[in-house]
Amino acid sequence: MKLSNNTIIITGGTSGIGLAYAKELLKRGNKVIVIGRNQKTIDRVMKEYKGLIGLQGDVSSLDSIRKMASFIKENYPEANVLFNSAGIMRSFKLLDEKMELEQATAEVDINLKGTMWMTQALLPQLCKQNEAMVVTVSSGLSYLTSPIHPVYSATKAGVHMYTDALRIQLNKSGKNIHVMELVPPLVAETNLEPNGTKGESTTSMPSMSLDTLVKHGIKGMEKNKKRVVPGLSKVLRFAGKFFPDSFSNSMVRG
C-alpha cells in the first residue's frame, strides 16, 4: 500500500508507539488524526507537531466510540487507514485482596475491547474505500505470558487471534482492506507500564528504539505484510511454541 495521500486514524496517538507512527506518517504526506483521552495532551501534541489533527475519545467506552465513528464518517469520509495503538500495561498481584474486580480487567477494556470496537465501528467506512488498511498492535508477550502482567499478555493474545480472524473474513469477502498485526518487543521509550509490582520485576531484556520499530512497521505496511515481528518478539514467538513454561518462569525474579 502506498503510504501517502491517505487519511489515517490512530488511537492512542498522543504518546508512545501511536505518536511515533503519527509523526512518520504525517511526514509522508498523509492526513493524520490522533485520538487521545486527555484534551490537554491532544492540544500539546498538536502544537508541537503541526499538521496533526486531534480528536478526543475513549476506546474503552462504547458511547465514545459511537460518537467518534459518527464524527469521522461526517468529517473525514475518505478515512482509509485505522491504526489501533491505544493500550495500557500494568503489573499487579492477583492475590491482592484490596483490588476491585473492575481494576483487574482494565487492559481488557482498552487493549482488547477497544481494538475490536474501534475496528467494528469503522469497518463500514473502510469497506467503501478503493484501498484501506487496519493495523493492530499486539506484543511479543502475546506468545507467552508475563506472570507479573497477568492480564496484559491475555489481551494481546486476544488481539493476535482477532486480527487473524478479521484478515481471513475480509479476504474471503473480496474487500480491498489489508490487515497487519504489529508485534512490538520491549520498547522502553513508550513508558507503557506506569507502575511496578514491589519485590518483583521482569528479567532484563533488550529494548528496541521507537525509531527502529517505526521503520519495521512502515516497511510492513508498504508491503501489505500480515504481521511484523521484529527483534526480541521473534525469540518470544519461538519460546512460546517450544518452551512456554520455562521462559515465563524466567521472566520473574525476586
Protein backbone atom coordinates (compact mmCIF):
# COMPACT_ATOMS: atom_id res chain seq x y z
CA MET A 1 0.00 0.00 0.00
CA LYS A 2 1.23 3.45 -0.87
CA LEU A 3 1.69 5.39 2.37
CA SER A 4 0.88 8.87 1.10
CA ASN A 5 -2.35 10.79 0.45
CA ASN A 6 -4.24 8.68 2.96
CA THR A 7 -6.44 9.77 5.85
CA ILE A 8 -5.24 7.84 8.87
CA ILE A 9 -6.91 7.37 12.27
CA ILE A 10 -4.54 6.48 15.12
CA THR A 11 -5.90 5.53 18.54
CA GLY A 12 -3.51 6.18 21.40
CA GLY A 13 -1.91 8.63 19.01
CA THR A 14 -0.77 11.23 21.53
CA SER A 15 2.07 9.17 23.03
CA GLY A 16 4.34 6.17 22.61
CA ILE A 17 4.02 3.94 19.56
CA GLY A 18 0.93 5.73 18.27
CA LEU A 19 2.56 9.16 18.28
CA ALA A 20 5.76 7.81 16.73
CA TYR A 21 3.80 6.43 13.77
CA ALA A 22 1.65 9.56 13.57
CA LYS A 23 4.75 11.74 13.13
CA GLU A 24 6.25 9.48 10.47
CA LEU A 25 3.01 9.10 8.51
CA LEU A 26 2.42 12.86 8.65
CA LYS A 27 5.86 13.42 7.08
CA ARG A 28 4.85 11.18 4.19
CA GLY A 29 2.01 13.43 3.08
CA ASN A 30 -0.94 11.86 4.89
CA LYS A 31 -3.75 13.45 6.85
CA VAL A 32 -3.29 12.02 10.35
CA ILE A 33 -5.93 12.11 13.08
CA VAL A 34 -4.71 11.18 16.55
CA ILE A 35 -7.17 10.02 19.19
CA GLY A 36 -6.49 10.51 22.90
CA ARG A 37 -8.44 10.72 26.14
CA ASN A 38 -6.90 13.93 27.51
CA GLN A 39 -7.68 17.16 25.67
CA LYS A 40 -4.71 18.99 27.21
CA THR A 41 -2.38 16.31 25.89
CA ILE A 42 -4.01 16.48 22.47
CA ASP A 43 -3.58 20.26 22.40
CA ARG A 44 0.09 19.97 23.38
CA VAL A 45 0.81 17.35 20.72
CA MET A 46 -0.97 19.35 18.01
CA LYS A 47 1.01 22.45 18.96
CA GLU A 48 4.30 20.56 18.92
CA TYR A 49 3.65 18.63 15.70
CA LYS A 50 1.97 20.99 13.26
CA GLY A 51 -0.42 19.28 10.91
CA LEU A 52 -1.69 16.56 13.24
CA ILE A 53 -5.45 16.60 13.82
CA GLY A 54 -6.63 15.80 17.36
CA LEU A 55 -9.80 14.01 18.38
CA GLN A 56 -10.75 13.38 21.99
CA GLY A 57 -12.19 9.96 22.70
CA ASP A 58 -12.00 6.87 24.88
CA VAL A 59 -11.75 3.47 23.17
CA SER A 60 -12.90 1.73 26.36
CA SER A 61 -16.29 3.49 26.08
CA LEU A 62 -18.86 2.31 23.56
CA ASP A 63 -20.65 5.65 23.71
CA SER A 64 -17.40 7.48 22.94
CA ILE A 65 -16.56 5.13 20.06
CA ARG A 66 -20.01 5.63 18.51
CA LYS A 67 -19.56 9.40 18.68
CA MET A 68 -16.07 9.21 17.17
CA ALA A 69 -17.21 6.92 14.35
CA SER A 70 -20.08 9.29 13.53
CA PHE A 71 -17.76 12.32 13.61
CA ILE A 72 -15.20 10.62 11.37
CA LYS A 73 -17.84 9.49 8.89
CA GLU A 74 -19.26 13.01 8.65
CA ASN A 75 -16.00 14.98 8.60
CA TYR A 76 -13.48 12.53 7.11
CA PRO A 77 -15.47 10.21 4.83
CA GLU A 78 -12.25 9.45 2.92
CA ALA A 79 -10.54 7.92 6.01
CA ASN A 80 -8.99 4.66 4.83
CA VAL A 81 -6.46 3.57 7.50
CA LEU A 82 -7.14 2.63 11.10
CA PHE A 83 -4.11 2.16 13.35
CA ASN A 84 -5.17 0.64 16.69
CA SER A 85 -2.43 1.70 19.11
CA ALA A 86 -4.26 2.54 22.35
CA GLY A 87 -3.13 0.29 25.18
CA ILE A 88 -2.02 0.02 28.78
CA MET A 89 0.19 -2.43 30.67
CA ARG A 90 0.04 -3.00 34.44
CA SER A 91 1.88 -5.23 36.84
CA PHE A 92 -0.10 -6.38 39.85
CA LYS A 93 -0.63 -9.33 42.17
CA LEU A 94 -3.69 -11.47 41.65
CA LEU A 95 -3.63 -12.30 45.37
CA ASP A 96 -4.17 -8.65 46.32
CA GLU A 97 -7.43 -8.77 48.27
CA LYS A 98 -7.84 -5.00 48.10
CA MET A 99 -8.12 -4.94 44.32
CA GLU A 100 -11.58 -4.22 42.95
CA LEU A 101 -12.85 -6.59 40.27
CA GLU A 102 -13.10 -3.75 37.75
CA GLN A 103 -9.41 -2.95 38.24
CA ALA A 104 -8.40 -6.47 37.28
CA THR A 105 -9.68 -6.08 33.73
CA ALA A 106 -8.61 -2.55 32.74
CA GLU A 107 -6.40 -3.91 29.93
CA VAL A 108 -9.31 -5.93 28.56
CA ASP A 109 -11.38 -2.77 28.17
CA ILE A 110 -8.67 -0.75 26.41
CA ASN A 111 -6.32 -3.21 24.70
CA LEU A 112 -8.82 -5.81 23.52
CA LYS A 113 -12.33 -4.36 23.53
CA GLY A 114 -11.01 -1.01 22.32
CA THR A 115 -9.34 -2.61 19.31
CA MET A 116 -12.40 -4.70 18.47
CA TRP A 117 -14.93 -1.91 18.99
CA MET A 118 -12.99 0.72 17.07
CA THR A 119 -12.39 -1.64 14.16
CA GLN A 120 -16.02 -2.74 14.04
CA ALA A 121 -17.24 0.86 14.19
CA LEU A 122 -15.10 1.98 11.24
CA LEU A 123 -15.27 -1.15 9.07
CA PRO A 124 -18.34 0.01 7.09
CA GLN A 125 -16.48 3.19 6.14
CA LEU A 126 -13.23 1.36 5.34
CA CYS A 127 -15.12 -1.07 3.10
CA LYS A 128 -16.24 1.84 0.90
CA GLN A 129 -12.68 2.89 0.06
CA ASN A 130 -10.78 1.72 -3.01
CA GLU A 131 -7.98 0.53 -0.73
CA ALA A 132 -7.83 0.51 3.06
CA MET A 133 -5.84 -0.89 5.95
CA VAL A 134 -6.32 -1.92 9.56
CA VAL A 135 -3.25 -2.16 11.80
CA THR A 136 -3.45 -3.76 15.22
CA VAL A 137 -0.73 -3.64 17.87
CA SER A 138 -0.24 -6.85 19.85
CA SER A 139 3.03 -7.70 21.62
CA GLY A 140 5.79 -10.27 21.83
CA LEU A 141 4.02 -11.21 25.06
CA SER A 142 1.06 -12.44 23.03
CA TYR A 143 3.11 -15.61 22.51
CA LEU A 144 3.74 -16.37 26.19
CA THR A 145 2.64 -14.89 29.48
CA SER A 146 4.49 -12.44 31.68
CA PRO A 147 3.42 -13.58 35.17
CA ILE A 148 3.64 -10.13 36.74
CA HIS A 149 1.46 -8.71 33.96
CA PRO A 150 -1.36 -11.24 34.33
CA VAL A 151 -3.91 -9.55 32.07
CA TYR A 152 -1.74 -7.74 29.51
CA SER A 153 -0.47 -10.92 27.83
CA ALA A 154 -4.00 -12.30 27.66
CA THR A 155 -5.34 -9.21 25.91
CA LYS A 156 -2.50 -9.16 23.39
CA ALA A 157 -3.05 -12.84 22.63
CA GLY A 158 -6.68 -11.91 22.02
CA VAL A 159 -5.66 -9.09 19.67
CA HIS A 160 -3.47 -11.57 17.77
CA MET A 161 -6.31 -14.06 17.30
CA TYR A 162 -8.85 -11.37 16.45
CA THR A 163 -6.53 -9.88 13.82
CA ASP A 164 -6.12 -13.24 12.09
CA ALA A 165 -9.90 -13.77 12.02
CA LEU A 166 -10.50 -10.25 10.70
CA ARG A 167 -7.96 -10.75 7.92
CA ILE A 168 -9.42 -14.08 6.83
CA GLN A 169 -13.00 -12.77 6.77
CA LEU A 170 -12.02 -9.68 4.78
CA ASN A 171 -10.00 -11.75 2.32
CA LYS A 172 -12.98 -14.02 1.71
CA SER A 173 -15.28 -11.02 1.28
CA GLY A 174 -13.19 -9.65 -1.56
CA LYS A 175 -12.80 -6.25 0.12
CA ASN A 176 -9.51 -4.47 -0.61
CA ILE A 177 -8.63 -3.99 3.05
CA HIS A 178 -5.16 -5.00 4.22
CA VAL A 179 -4.81 -6.21 7.82
CA MET A 180 -1.45 -6.08 9.55
CA GLU A 181 -0.51 -7.10 13.07
CA LEU A 182 2.42 -5.20 14.57
CA VAL A 183 4.12 -7.29 17.27
CA PRO A 184 6.47 -4.99 19.20
CA PRO A 185 9.14 -6.27 21.58
CA LEU A 186 10.00 -4.22 24.66
CA VAL A 187 10.19 -0.54 23.72
CA ALA A 188 11.30 1.29 26.86
CA GLU A 189 10.69 4.75 25.34
CA THR A 190 6.93 4.21 25.41
CA ASN A 191 6.74 4.19 29.24
CA LEU A 192 3.85 1.80 28.75
CA GLU A 193 3.93 0.48 32.30
CA PRO A 194 3.44 3.34 34.80
CA ASN A 195 3.57 1.18 37.90
CA GLY A 196 5.59 -1.76 39.11
CA THR A 197 4.98 -4.69 41.40
CA LYS A 198 7.06 -4.38 44.52
CA GLY A 199 9.54 -7.18 45.05
CA GLU A 200 9.20 -8.47 41.51
CA SER A 201 10.48 -7.43 38.10
CA THR A 202 10.87 -8.82 34.66
CA THR A 203 14.27 -10.09 33.69
CA SER A 204 16.45 -7.66 31.81
CA MET A 205 15.53 -7.76 28.14
CA PRO A 206 16.96 -5.72 25.28
CA SER A 207 14.82 -2.76 24.29
CA MET A 208 14.10 -1.71 20.71
CA SER A 209 14.08 2.00 19.90
CA LEU A 210 10.87 3.61 18.72
CA ASP A 211 12.60 4.72 15.51
CA THR A 212 13.57 1.13 14.70
CA LEU A 213 10.07 -0.15 15.43
CA VAL A 214 8.56 2.52 13.20
CA LYS A 215 10.89 1.58 10.33
CA HIS A 216 9.91 -2.09 10.63
CA GLY A 217 6.21 -1.26 10.73
CA ILE A 218 6.24 1.23 7.87
CA LYS A 219 8.05 -1.28 5.68
CA GLY A 220 5.47 -3.91 6.59
CA MET A 221 2.57 -1.58 5.80
CA GLU A 222 4.05 -0.70 2.42
CA LYS A 223 4.42 -4.39 1.56
CA ASN A 224 0.98 -5.37 2.94
CA LYS A 225 2.54 -7.80 5.39
CA LYS A 226 0.22 -9.94 7.50
CA ARG A 227 2.32 -9.33 10.58
CA VAL A 228 5.58 -7.67 11.55
CA VAL A 229 7.52 -9.48 14.30
CA PRO A 230 10.75 -7.56 14.90
CA GLY A 231 13.63 -8.05 17.33
CA LEU A 232 13.02 -9.94 20.54
CA SER A 233 9.43 -10.69 19.53
CA LYS A 234 10.83 -13.37 17.20
CA VAL A 235 12.52 -15.02 20.18
CA LEU A 236 9.33 -14.83 22.25
CA ARG A 237 7.37 -16.36 19.39
CA PHE A 238 9.80 -19.29 19.27
CA ALA A 239 9.80 -19.62 23.07
CA GLY A 240 6.01 -19.60 23.19
CA LYS A 241 5.91 -22.56 20.82
CA PHE A 242 8.55 -24.76 22.41
CA PHE A 243 9.44 -23.57 25.94
CA PRO A 244 6.49 -21.54 27.29
CA ASP A 245 6.70 -22.63 30.92
CA SER A 246 10.44 -22.20 31.41
CA PHE A 247 10.53 -18.83 29.68
CA SER A 248 7.52 -17.46 31.57
CA ASN A 249 9.03 -18.56 34.88
CA SER A 250 12.34 -16.92 33.97
CA MET A 251 10.60 -13.58 33.46
CA VAL A 252 10.04 -13.18 37.22
CA ARG A 253 12.66 -12.85 39.90
CA GLY A 254 12.90 -11.61 43.47
